[in-house]
């Protein structure tokens, strides 16, 4: 990938799967917005929708600039490898958000 290229933020926003989720476990006590780009496998969360989408754009940008095939999870300024990646569509949300679990 060209290290100077940047992602098309509008394309990512348009293809993003975005959902508001209530807590499903005691480990997550506040509702969150979840945004996922199924093309790259990256996933992001935020306290508000715009934060989740912005985190997703940043995660996809970082992913596409990296030398790895591992999608990223981004939340509150941190990007970490997403353990389950693209094959994770049927996993519970908590497993999709907390890859270190």
N, C-alpha and C. Protein backbone atom coordinates (compact mmCIF):
# COMPACT_ATOMS: atom_id res chain seq x y z
N UNK A 1 0.84 -1.19 0.00
CA UNK A 1 0.00 0.00 0.00
C UNK A 1 0.87 1.24 0.00
N UNK A 2 0.48 2.24 -0.74
CA UNK A 2 1.20 3.50 -0.78
C UNK A 2 1.09 4.19 0.57
N UNK A 3 2.22 4.41 1.22
CA UNK A 3 2.22 5.01 2.56
C UNK A 3 1.72 6.45 2.54
N UNK A 4 1.72 7.12 1.39
CA UNK A 4 1.26 8.50 1.31
C UNK A 4 -0.24 8.60 1.05
N UNK A 5 -0.84 7.54 0.58
CA UNK A 5 -2.27 7.57 0.26
C UNK A 5 -3.09 7.64 1.54
N UNK A 6 -4.23 8.27 1.45
CA UNK A 6 -5.13 8.28 2.60
C UNK A 6 -6.45 7.66 2.17
N UNK A 7 -7.19 7.21 3.14
CA UNK A 7 -8.46 6.54 2.85
C UNK A 7 -9.52 7.55 2.45
N UNK A 8 -10.53 7.07 1.78
CA UNK A 8 -11.68 7.89 1.40
C UNK A 8 -12.68 7.80 2.55
N UNK A 9 -12.66 8.80 3.42
CA UNK A 9 -13.49 8.78 4.62
C UNK A 9 -14.97 8.66 4.29
N UNK A 10 -15.42 9.32 3.25
CA UNK A 10 -16.84 9.26 2.90
C UNK A 10 -17.24 7.85 2.47
N UNK A 11 -16.39 7.18 1.73
CA UNK A 11 -16.68 5.79 1.32
C UNK A 11 -16.79 4.88 2.53
N UNK A 12 -15.90 5.07 3.49
CA UNK A 12 -15.94 4.26 4.71
C UNK A 12 -17.23 4.53 5.46
N UNK A 13 -17.61 5.79 5.59
CA UNK A 13 -18.86 6.15 6.27
C UNK A 13 -20.06 5.50 5.58
N UNK A 14 -20.08 5.52 4.26
CA UNK A 14 -21.22 4.99 3.52
C UNK A 14 -21.34 3.47 3.64
N UNK A 15 -20.23 2.77 3.69
CA UNK A 15 -20.30 1.30 3.74
C UNK A 15 -20.28 0.76 5.17
N UNK A 16 -20.12 1.63 6.15
CA UNK A 16 -20.02 1.19 7.55
C UNK A 16 -21.33 0.60 8.05
N UNK A 17 -21.20 -0.45 8.82
CA UNK A 17 -22.32 -0.99 9.59
C UNK A 17 -22.23 -0.30 10.94
N UNK A 18 -23.30 0.37 11.36
CA UNK A 18 -23.28 1.15 12.60
C UNK A 18 -24.47 0.74 13.45
N UNK A 19 -24.21 0.53 14.74
CA UNK A 19 -25.28 0.08 15.62
C UNK A 19 -25.08 0.63 17.02
N UNK A 20 -26.17 0.98 17.67
CA UNK A 20 -26.17 1.41 19.07
C UNK A 20 -26.44 0.18 19.91
N UNK A 21 -25.59 -0.09 20.88
CA UNK A 21 -25.73 -1.30 21.69
C UNK A 21 -25.79 -0.99 23.17
N UNK A 22 -26.73 -1.61 23.83
CA UNK A 22 -26.81 -1.56 25.29
C UNK A 22 -25.78 -2.55 25.85
N UNK A 23 -25.36 -2.37 27.10
CA UNK A 23 -24.39 -3.30 27.69
C UNK A 23 -24.93 -4.73 27.71
N UNK A 24 -24.05 -5.69 27.40
CA UNK A 24 -24.42 -7.11 27.41
C UNK A 24 -23.74 -7.87 28.53
N UNK A 25 -22.89 -7.19 29.27
CA UNK A 25 -22.10 -7.87 30.29
C UNK A 25 -21.72 -6.88 31.38
N UNK A 26 -21.34 -7.38 32.52
CA UNK A 26 -20.91 -6.51 33.61
C UNK A 26 -19.60 -5.79 33.29
N UNK A 27 -18.83 -6.32 32.34
CA UNK A 27 -17.56 -5.69 31.97
C UNK A 27 -17.76 -4.40 31.18
N UNK A 28 -18.93 -4.23 30.58
CA UNK A 28 -19.25 -3.02 29.83
C UNK A 28 -20.51 -2.45 30.46
N UNK A 29 -20.37 -1.30 31.14
CA UNK A 29 -21.51 -0.79 31.90
C UNK A 29 -22.23 0.38 31.25
N UNK A 30 -21.75 0.87 30.12
CA UNK A 30 -22.40 1.98 29.42
C UNK A 30 -22.75 1.56 27.99
N UNK A 31 -23.84 2.09 27.45
CA UNK A 31 -24.15 1.82 26.04
C UNK A 31 -23.04 2.37 25.14
N UNK A 32 -22.86 1.78 23.99
CA UNK A 32 -21.83 2.22 23.05
C UNK A 32 -22.37 2.20 21.63
N UNK A 33 -21.75 2.99 20.78
CA UNK A 33 -21.98 2.93 19.35
C UNK A 33 -20.87 2.06 18.77
N UNK A 34 -21.23 1.18 17.87
CA UNK A 34 -20.28 0.28 17.23
C UNK A 34 -20.31 0.55 15.73
N UNK A 35 -19.14 0.70 15.14
CA UNK A 35 -19.04 0.90 13.69
C UNK A 35 -18.05 -0.11 13.14
N UNK A 36 -18.44 -0.78 12.06
CA UNK A 36 -17.58 -1.81 11.48
C UNK A 36 -17.48 -1.62 9.98
N UNK A 37 -16.28 -1.79 9.47
CA UNK A 37 -16.04 -1.78 8.03
C UNK A 37 -15.76 -3.21 7.62
N UNK A 38 -16.73 -3.83 6.98
CA UNK A 38 -16.57 -5.24 6.63
C UNK A 38 -15.56 -5.46 5.51
N UNK A 39 -15.26 -4.42 4.77
CA UNK A 39 -14.26 -4.55 3.71
C UNK A 39 -12.86 -4.77 4.30
N UNK A 40 -12.53 -4.01 5.33
CA UNK A 40 -11.20 -4.15 5.96
C UNK A 40 -11.23 -5.06 7.18
N UNK A 41 -12.41 -5.21 7.79
CA UNK A 41 -12.52 -5.98 9.02
C UNK A 41 -12.29 -5.14 10.26
N UNK A 42 -12.04 -3.85 10.10
CA UNK A 42 -11.80 -2.97 11.25
C UNK A 42 -13.11 -2.66 11.96
N UNK A 43 -13.01 -2.43 13.26
CA UNK A 43 -14.16 -2.14 14.10
C UNK A 43 -13.79 -1.01 15.05
N UNK A 44 -14.77 -0.17 15.37
CA UNK A 44 -14.52 0.95 16.29
C UNK A 44 -15.73 1.15 17.18
N UNK A 45 -15.47 1.71 18.35
CA UNK A 45 -16.57 2.04 19.25
C UNK A 45 -16.44 3.49 19.70
N UNK A 46 -17.55 4.02 20.17
CA UNK A 46 -17.56 5.38 20.69
C UNK A 46 -18.75 5.60 21.59
N UNK A 47 -18.67 6.62 22.40
CA UNK A 47 -19.79 6.96 23.28
C UNK A 47 -20.94 7.58 22.50
N UNK A 48 -20.63 8.22 21.37
CA UNK A 48 -21.63 8.79 20.48
C UNK A 48 -21.35 8.29 19.07
N UNK A 49 -22.35 8.35 18.22
CA UNK A 49 -22.23 7.81 16.85
C UNK A 49 -21.06 8.43 16.09
N UNK A 50 -20.94 9.74 16.13
CA UNK A 50 -19.89 10.40 15.36
C UNK A 50 -18.49 9.98 15.84
N UNK A 51 -18.35 9.71 17.12
CA UNK A 51 -17.07 9.23 17.65
C UNK A 51 -16.75 7.84 17.11
N UNK A 52 -17.75 6.96 17.08
CA UNK A 52 -17.53 5.61 16.56
C UNK A 52 -17.15 5.64 15.09
N UNK A 53 -17.83 6.46 14.32
CA UNK A 53 -17.53 6.56 12.88
C UNK A 53 -16.16 7.18 12.66
N UNK A 54 -15.84 8.22 13.40
CA UNK A 54 -14.50 8.82 13.30
C UNK A 54 -13.41 7.84 13.68
N UNK A 55 -13.65 7.08 14.74
CA UNK A 55 -12.68 6.05 15.14
C UNK A 55 -12.53 5.00 14.05
N UNK A 56 -13.63 4.66 13.38
CA UNK A 56 -13.56 3.67 12.30
C UNK A 56 -12.72 4.19 11.14
N UNK A 57 -12.94 5.42 10.74
CA UNK A 57 -12.15 6.00 9.65
C UNK A 57 -10.67 5.99 10.02
N UNK A 58 -10.36 6.36 11.25
CA UNK A 58 -8.96 6.37 11.70
C UNK A 58 -8.38 4.95 11.73
N UNK A 59 -9.18 3.98 12.18
CA UNK A 59 -8.70 2.59 12.24
C UNK A 59 -8.43 2.05 10.84
N UNK A 60 -9.33 2.31 9.90
CA UNK A 60 -9.13 1.84 8.53
C UNK A 60 -7.90 2.51 7.92
N UNK A 61 -7.73 3.79 8.16
CA UNK A 61 -6.56 4.50 7.65
C UNK A 61 -5.28 3.88 8.21
N UNK A 62 -5.24 3.66 9.51
CA UNK A 62 -4.05 3.05 10.13
C UNK A 62 -3.82 1.64 9.59
N UNK A 63 -4.89 0.87 9.45
CA UNK A 63 -4.80 -0.50 8.93
C UNK A 63 -4.23 -0.51 7.51
N UNK A 64 -4.74 0.37 6.67
CA UNK A 64 -4.30 0.39 5.27
C UNK A 64 -2.87 0.89 5.13
N UNK A 65 -2.39 1.65 6.08
CA UNK A 65 -1.00 2.13 6.05
C UNK A 65 -0.03 1.12 6.67
N UNK A 66 -0.56 0.12 7.34
CA UNK A 66 0.30 -0.85 8.02
C UNK A 66 0.73 -1.96 7.08
N UNK A 67 1.64 -2.77 7.56
CA UNK A 67 2.14 -3.92 6.79
C UNK A 67 1.53 -5.22 7.27
N UNK A 68 0.36 -5.16 7.88
CA UNK A 68 -0.25 -6.36 8.43
C UNK A 68 -1.62 -6.62 7.79
N UNK A 69 -2.06 -7.87 7.88
CA UNK A 69 -3.39 -8.23 7.41
C UNK A 69 -4.39 -8.27 8.56
N UNK A 70 -3.95 -7.95 9.77
CA UNK A 70 -4.81 -8.02 10.94
C UNK A 70 -5.62 -6.73 11.07
N UNK A 71 -6.95 -6.83 11.01
CA UNK A 71 -7.79 -5.64 11.19
C UNK A 71 -7.59 -5.04 12.57
N UNK A 72 -8.00 -3.80 12.72
CA UNK A 72 -7.82 -3.09 13.99
C UNK A 72 -9.15 -2.82 14.68
N UNK A 73 -9.07 -2.70 15.98
CA UNK A 73 -10.16 -2.24 16.83
C UNK A 73 -9.71 -0.92 17.43
N UNK A 74 -10.54 0.11 17.32
CA UNK A 74 -10.16 1.42 17.86
C UNK A 74 -11.24 1.93 18.79
N UNK A 75 -10.77 2.39 19.95
CA UNK A 75 -11.66 3.01 20.93
C UNK A 75 -10.86 3.97 21.79
N UNK A 76 -11.41 5.13 22.02
CA UNK A 76 -10.81 6.11 22.92
C UNK A 76 -9.31 6.31 22.69
N UNK A 77 -8.95 6.52 21.43
CA UNK A 77 -7.57 6.86 21.12
C UNK A 77 -6.63 5.70 20.90
N UNK A 78 -7.01 4.50 21.28
CA UNK A 78 -6.13 3.36 21.13
C UNK A 78 -6.57 2.48 19.97
N UNK A 79 -5.60 1.99 19.22
CA UNK A 79 -5.87 0.99 18.19
C UNK A 79 -5.13 -0.27 18.58
N UNK A 80 -5.84 -1.38 18.54
CA UNK A 80 -5.22 -2.66 18.86
C UNK A 80 -5.62 -3.67 17.79
N UNK A 81 -4.83 -4.71 17.60
CA UNK A 81 -5.22 -5.74 16.64
C UNK A 81 -6.55 -6.38 17.05
N UNK A 82 -7.36 -6.63 16.07
CA UNK A 82 -8.65 -7.27 16.31
C UNK A 82 -8.45 -8.77 16.19
N UNK A 83 -8.50 -9.46 17.29
CA UNK A 83 -8.18 -10.88 17.37
C UNK A 83 -8.98 -11.73 16.40
N UNK A 84 -10.28 -11.52 16.32
CA UNK A 84 -11.12 -12.42 15.55
C UNK A 84 -11.31 -11.98 14.10
N UNK A 85 -11.10 -10.73 13.82
CA UNK A 85 -11.10 -10.23 12.45
C UNK A 85 -12.36 -10.49 11.65
N UNK A 86 -12.17 -10.69 10.36
CA UNK A 86 -13.29 -10.75 9.43
C UNK A 86 -14.22 -11.94 9.63
N UNK A 87 -13.71 -13.05 10.13
CA UNK A 87 -14.54 -14.25 10.26
C UNK A 87 -15.43 -14.20 11.50
N UNK A 88 -15.54 -13.06 12.12
CA UNK A 88 -16.17 -12.92 13.42
C UNK A 88 -17.65 -12.53 13.38
N UNK A 89 -18.31 -12.59 12.26
CA UNK A 89 -19.66 -12.05 12.13
C UNK A 89 -20.68 -12.67 13.08
N UNK A 90 -20.51 -13.91 13.49
CA UNK A 90 -21.51 -14.54 14.35
C UNK A 90 -21.12 -14.52 15.83
N UNK A 91 -19.96 -14.00 16.16
CA UNK A 91 -19.52 -13.95 17.55
C UNK A 91 -20.35 -12.93 18.33
N UNK A 92 -20.52 -13.15 19.63
CA UNK A 92 -21.22 -12.16 20.45
C UNK A 92 -20.50 -10.82 20.39
N UNK A 93 -21.26 -9.75 20.56
CA UNK A 93 -20.68 -8.41 20.47
C UNK A 93 -19.51 -8.24 21.43
N UNK A 94 -19.61 -8.75 22.64
CA UNK A 94 -18.53 -8.56 23.61
C UNK A 94 -17.23 -9.15 23.09
N UNK A 95 -17.29 -10.27 22.37
CA UNK A 95 -16.08 -10.85 21.80
C UNK A 95 -15.54 -10.00 20.65
N UNK A 96 -16.43 -9.29 19.97
CA UNK A 96 -16.00 -8.43 18.87
C UNK A 96 -15.36 -7.15 19.40
N UNK A 97 -15.82 -6.68 20.56
CA UNK A 97 -15.30 -5.43 21.12
C UNK A 97 -14.09 -5.64 22.00
N UNK A 98 -13.99 -6.78 22.65
CA UNK A 98 -12.92 -7.03 23.60
C UNK A 98 -12.06 -8.20 23.13
N UNK A 99 -11.20 -7.97 22.15
CA UNK A 99 -10.44 -9.07 21.56
C UNK A 99 -9.42 -9.69 22.50
N UNK A 100 -9.11 -9.02 23.58
CA UNK A 100 -8.13 -9.55 24.52
C UNK A 100 -8.77 -10.47 25.54
N UNK A 101 -10.06 -10.63 25.49
CA UNK A 101 -10.84 -11.42 26.44
C UNK A 101 -10.44 -12.87 26.44
